Amino acid sequence: MYTGFLNLLKWNDAQMKQKILIAEDEADIRNILKLYLESEGLEVVQAQDGEQALRMAQQEMPDLILLDVMMPNMDGFAVTQALRQYSQVPILILSARSQDADKILGLNLGADDYIAKPFNALEVVARVKAHLRRSQQGAAFVINVNGLSLNAETCTVTKEGALLALTPTEYKLLSVFMRSPGRIFTKVQLSEAVNGEYFESDENTIMVHISKLRDKIEDNPRKPARLVTIRGLGYRFEKT
């Protein structure tokens, strides 16, 4: 189920290019993004509606998907939901719907980032590269902290022996915490650790990912005992 994510971990830039799927019904936007992404040495494939995006995600196995929300046949939210049934490929949503409720919906369905239109193509490329960069393989060892076991080679986490279905962003966040239990991380530090850099819009995104991560790792998410909030500072993963 981590096919796209594991492909990133095995990537060697001397042997193959990372592949980006752009799913967008406006040809001008697809072409602009394609131009910028290819200038960074990335391979680009395109889809012009939701159903085609879902087929190409299965056939092309991209390393990351740029996904518009308002597409014909099947909207981006439905595509995200369908993809998360079997794949953890990083998904960056592009949308003219910039309300917080829309962003939260996209993230709750499994997207890793949400970029509002109109956007700066350079920022989109920066976010794509940051997500790809942070998905690269870390050291191959197992970390056991507070009832959780993180395997950095297979990019999996188990809780008391049961495998957790984490998104790539949730895995990256948990990896940061479990590598430094007891340390307090600010939202800015967490955003930089996950995305490679900090954008002003990232603060609420981090909060949503933290909430979803707690739903999966805590016995009682409303009273977290592992991933706790340090008021006015940030978050800390408890050692025991």
Protein backbone atom coordinates (compact mmCIF):
# COMPACT_ATOMS: atom_id res chain seq x y z
CA MET A 1 0.00 0.00 0.00
CA TYR A 2 3.03 2.26 0.18
CA THR A 3 3.96 1.66 -3.46
CA GLY A 4 4.44 5.25 -4.58
CA PHE A 5 6.12 6.19 -1.31
CA LEU A 6 8.51 3.24 -1.39
CA ASN A 7 9.37 4.03 -5.02
CA LEU A 8 10.62 7.39 -3.81
CA LEU A 9 12.80 5.73 -1.20
CA LYS A 10 14.43 3.54 -3.85
CA TRP A 11 14.92 6.40 -6.30
CA ASN A 12 18.38 7.08 -7.69
CA ASP A 13 18.57 10.32 -9.64
CA ALA A 14 21.35 8.95 -11.83
CA GLN A 15 19.04 6.19 -13.07
CA MET A 16 15.48 7.53 -13.32
CA LYS A 17 13.37 10.64 -13.07
CA GLN A 18 10.65 11.10 -10.52
CA LYS A 19 7.22 11.20 -12.13
CA ILE A 20 4.53 13.80 -11.45
CA LEU A 21 0.89 13.37 -12.48
CA ILE A 22 -0.89 16.67 -13.14
CA ALA A 23 -4.68 16.22 -13.02
CA GLU A 24 -6.25 19.49 -14.18
CA ASP A 25 -9.02 20.24 -16.70
CA GLU A 26 -7.51 23.56 -17.84
CA ALA A 27 -4.87 22.89 -20.49
CA ASP A 28 -3.10 26.23 -19.92
CA ILE A 29 -2.51 25.42 -16.26
CA ARG A 30 -1.32 21.88 -17.09
CA ASN A 31 1.12 23.17 -19.67
CA ILE A 32 2.56 25.88 -17.43
CA LEU A 33 3.11 23.44 -14.57
CA LYS A 34 4.56 20.86 -16.98
CA LEU A 35 7.05 23.43 -18.29
CA TYR A 36 8.22 24.41 -14.83
CA LEU A 37 8.40 20.85 -13.48
CA GLU A 38 10.28 19.50 -16.50
CA SER A 39 12.77 22.35 -16.16
CA GLU A 40 13.59 20.83 -12.76
CA GLY A 41 14.30 17.42 -14.31
CA LEU A 42 10.97 15.83 -13.39
CA GLU A 43 8.90 13.62 -15.69
CA VAL A 44 5.30 14.79 -16.16
CA VAL A 45 2.17 12.93 -17.20
CA GLN A 46 -1.24 14.61 -17.51
CA ALA A 47 -4.92 13.93 -16.97
CA GLN A 48 -7.79 16.25 -17.85
CA ASP A 49 -10.59 14.84 -15.70
CA GLY A 50 -11.02 12.87 -12.50
CA GLU A 51 -11.70 9.47 -14.02
CA GLN A 52 -8.63 9.73 -16.24
CA ALA A 53 -6.56 10.85 -13.24
CA LEU A 54 -7.56 7.76 -11.30
CA ARG A 55 -6.73 5.47 -14.24
CA MET A 56 -3.35 7.13 -14.82
CA ALA A 57 -2.48 6.97 -11.14
CA GLN A 58 -2.95 3.20 -11.34
CA GLN A 59 -1.13 2.80 -14.66
CA GLU A 60 1.73 5.30 -14.32
CA MET A 61 2.38 4.92 -10.57
CA PRO A 62 3.52 8.54 -10.16
CA ASP A 63 5.71 9.65 -7.29
CA LEU A 64 3.44 12.63 -6.59
CA ILE A 65 0.06 13.90 -7.84
CA LEU A 66 -0.98 17.53 -8.41
CA LEU A 67 -4.76 17.33 -8.27
CA ASP A 68 -7.35 19.96 -9.18
CA VAL A 69 -10.63 19.82 -7.25
CA MET A 70 -13.18 21.05 -9.80
CA MET A 71 -12.78 18.55 -12.66
CA PRO A 72 -15.34 16.86 -14.93
CA ASN A 73 -16.64 13.32 -14.30
CA MET A 74 -15.04 12.98 -10.86
CA ASP A 75 -13.87 15.81 -8.64
CA GLY A 76 -10.51 15.94 -6.89
CA PHE A 77 -11.93 15.14 -3.47
CA ALA A 78 -13.49 11.93 -4.82
CA VAL A 79 -10.23 11.02 -6.58
CA THR A 80 -8.27 11.57 -3.35
CA GLN A 81 -10.69 9.39 -1.42
CA ALA A 82 -10.48 6.64 -4.04
CA LEU A 83 -6.68 6.74 -4.17
CA ARG A 84 -6.38 6.47 -0.40
CA GLN A 85 -8.14 3.11 -0.54
CA TYR A 86 -4.96 1.54 -1.89
CA SER A 87 -2.16 4.10 -2.29
CA GLN A 88 -0.19 6.51 -0.12
CA VAL A 89 1.28 8.51 -3.01
CA PRO A 90 1.72 12.19 -1.97
CA ILE A 91 -1.21 14.31 -3.19
CA LEU A 92 -1.06 18.11 -3.51
CA ILE A 93 -4.46 19.64 -4.15
CA LEU A 94 -4.79 22.70 -6.40
CA SER A 95 -8.08 24.55 -6.04
CA ALA A 96 -9.86 27.87 -6.48
CA ARG A 97 -11.87 26.87 -3.41
CA SER A 98 -9.72 28.52 -0.75
CA GLN A 99 -12.06 28.43 2.25
CA ASP A 100 -10.70 26.75 5.38
CA ALA A 101 -13.52 24.19 5.26
CA ASP A 102 -12.41 23.08 1.79
CA LYS A 103 -8.77 22.83 2.87
CA ILE A 104 -9.67 20.80 5.94
CA LEU A 105 -11.89 18.51 3.85
CA GLY A 106 -9.06 17.86 1.39
CA LEU A 107 -6.57 17.12 4.15
CA ASN A 108 -9.03 14.92 6.03
CA LEU A 109 -9.57 12.87 2.88
CA GLY A 110 -5.83 12.18 2.73
CA ALA A 111 -4.21 15.01 0.76
CA ASP A 112 -0.74 16.06 1.91
CA ASP A 113 -0.95 19.72 0.91
CA TYR A 114 -3.50 22.25 -0.37
CA ILE A 115 -2.53 25.11 -2.71
CA ALA A 116 -5.10 27.81 -3.48
CA LYS A 117 -5.56 29.27 -6.95
CA PRO A 118 -4.34 31.57 -8.34
CA PHE A 119 -0.90 30.29 -7.40
CA ASN A 120 2.70 31.09 -8.17
CA ALA A 121 4.08 28.27 -10.33
CA LEU A 122 7.45 28.61 -8.62
CA GLU A 123 5.83 27.99 -5.24
CA VAL A 124 4.08 24.91 -6.59
CA VAL A 125 7.40 23.57 -7.86
CA ALA A 126 9.03 24.36 -4.51
CA ARG A 127 6.34 22.45 -2.66
CA VAL A 128 6.59 19.51 -5.06
CA LYS A 129 10.35 19.31 -4.63
CA ALA A 130 10.03 19.67 -0.87
CA HIS A 131 7.57 16.77 -0.62
CA LEU A 132 9.74 14.61 -2.88
CA ARG A 133 12.89 15.52 -0.97
CA ARG A 134 11.39 14.75 2.42
CA SER A 135 10.19 11.39 1.10
CA GLN A 136 13.72 10.19 0.48
CA GLN A 137 14.97 7.28 2.50
CA GLY A 138 16.38 7.88 5.93
CA ALA A 139 18.55 5.58 7.98
CA ALA A 140 17.42 1.95 7.94
CA PHE A 141 16.63 1.00 11.52
CA VAL A 142 13.73 0.41 13.85
CA ILE A 143 12.73 2.89 16.57
CA ASN A 144 10.63 1.70 19.50
CA VAL A 145 9.09 4.40 21.70
CA ASN A 146 6.03 4.42 23.96
CA GLY A 147 4.28 1.40 22.45
CA LEU A 148 5.00 2.34 18.84
CA SER A 149 7.55 0.77 16.48
CA LEU A 150 8.79 2.71 13.44
CA ASN A 151 10.66 0.84 10.70
CA ALA A 152 12.56 3.43 8.65
CA GLU A 153 13.46 0.87 5.97
CA THR A 154 9.89 -0.11 5.12
CA CYS A 155 8.35 3.23 6.21
CA THR A 156 5.82 1.48 8.40
CA VAL A 157 4.64 2.01 11.97
CA THR A 158 2.99 -0.52 14.25
CA LYS A 159 1.12 0.05 17.50
CA GLU A 160 1.37 -2.88 19.85
CA GLY A 161 2.03 -5.10 16.82
CA ALA A 162 -0.82 -3.75 14.65
CA LEU A 163 0.11 -1.92 11.43
CA LEU A 164 -1.07 1.70 11.29
CA ALA A 165 -2.39 3.10 7.98
CA LEU A 166 -0.49 6.39 7.93
CA THR A 167 -0.31 8.89 5.07
CA PRO A 168 3.21 9.90 3.97
CA THR A 169 2.89 13.22 5.82
CA GLU A 170 1.70 11.52 9.00
CA TYR A 171 4.60 9.08 8.74
CA LYS A 172 7.11 11.92 8.32
CA LEU A 173 5.70 13.81 11.30
CA LEU A 174 5.75 10.74 13.52
CA SER A 175 9.29 9.94 12.38
CA VAL A 176 10.42 13.41 13.48
CA PHE A 177 8.83 12.96 16.91
CA MET A 178 9.99 9.39 17.51
CA ARG A 179 13.58 10.17 16.57
CA SER A 180 13.65 12.85 19.31
CA PRO A 181 11.23 11.80 22.08
CA GLY A 182 10.89 14.40 24.81
CA ARG A 183 11.86 17.28 22.52
CA ILE A 184 9.41 20.12 21.84
CA PHE A 185 8.87 20.96 18.16
CA THR A 186 7.22 24.19 17.00
CA LYS A 187 4.79 24.24 14.07
CA VAL A 188 7.42 26.02 11.97
CA GLN A 189 10.01 23.32 12.72
CA LEU A 190 7.54 20.57 11.89
CA SER A 191 6.57 22.24 8.62
CA GLU A 192 10.22 22.58 7.64
CA ALA A 193 10.88 18.96 8.60
CA VAL A 194 7.97 17.69 6.49
CA ASN A 195 8.01 20.13 3.56
CA GLY A 196 11.65 21.24 3.48
CA GLU A 197 10.64 24.84 4.09
CA TYR A 198 7.93 26.90 5.79
CA PHE A 199 5.01 28.67 4.12
CA GLU A 200 2.64 30.98 6.00
CA SER A 201 -0.34 28.78 5.17
CA ASP A 202 1.29 25.68 6.66
CA GLU A 203 0.39 26.30 10.32
CA ASN A 204 -3.25 25.16 10.08
CA THR A 205 -2.20 22.29 7.82
CA ILE A 206 0.19 20.98 10.48
CA MET A 207 -2.58 21.17 13.10
CA VAL A 208 -4.89 19.07 10.91
CA HIS A 209 -2.20 16.44 10.33
CA ILE A 210 -1.42 16.32 14.08
CA SER A 211 -5.11 15.75 14.84
CA LYS A 212 -5.38 12.93 12.30
CA LEU A 213 -2.14 11.37 13.56
CA ARG A 214 -3.48 11.36 17.12
CA ASP A 215 -6.60 9.55 15.91
CA LYS A 216 -4.33 6.69 14.83
CA ILE A 217 -1.67 6.51 17.54
CA GLU A 218 -3.56 7.44 20.72
CA ASP A 219 -5.75 5.17 22.82
CA ASN A 220 -7.92 8.21 23.51
CA PRO A 221 -7.29 11.00 20.95
CA ARG A 222 -9.22 13.50 23.10
CA LYS A 223 -6.74 12.92 25.92
CA PRO A 224 -3.44 12.29 24.09
CA ALA A 225 -0.78 10.51 26.11
CA ARG A 226 1.83 10.06 23.39
CA LEU A 227 1.73 13.22 21.27
CA VAL A 228 1.01 16.08 23.64
CA THR A 229 0.54 19.81 23.12
CA ILE A 230 2.87 22.14 24.99
CA ARG A 231 0.80 25.31 25.24
CA GLY A 232 2.41 28.31 23.56
CA LEU A 233 5.36 26.26 22.27
CA GLY A 234 4.39 23.28 20.13
CA TYR A 235 4.23 19.51 20.42
CA ARG A 236 6.22 16.77 22.18
CA PHE A 237 6.27 12.99 21.86
CA GLU A 238 6.40 11.41 25.32
CA LYS A 239 9.08 8.81 25.95
CA THR A 240 6.80 6.60 28.05
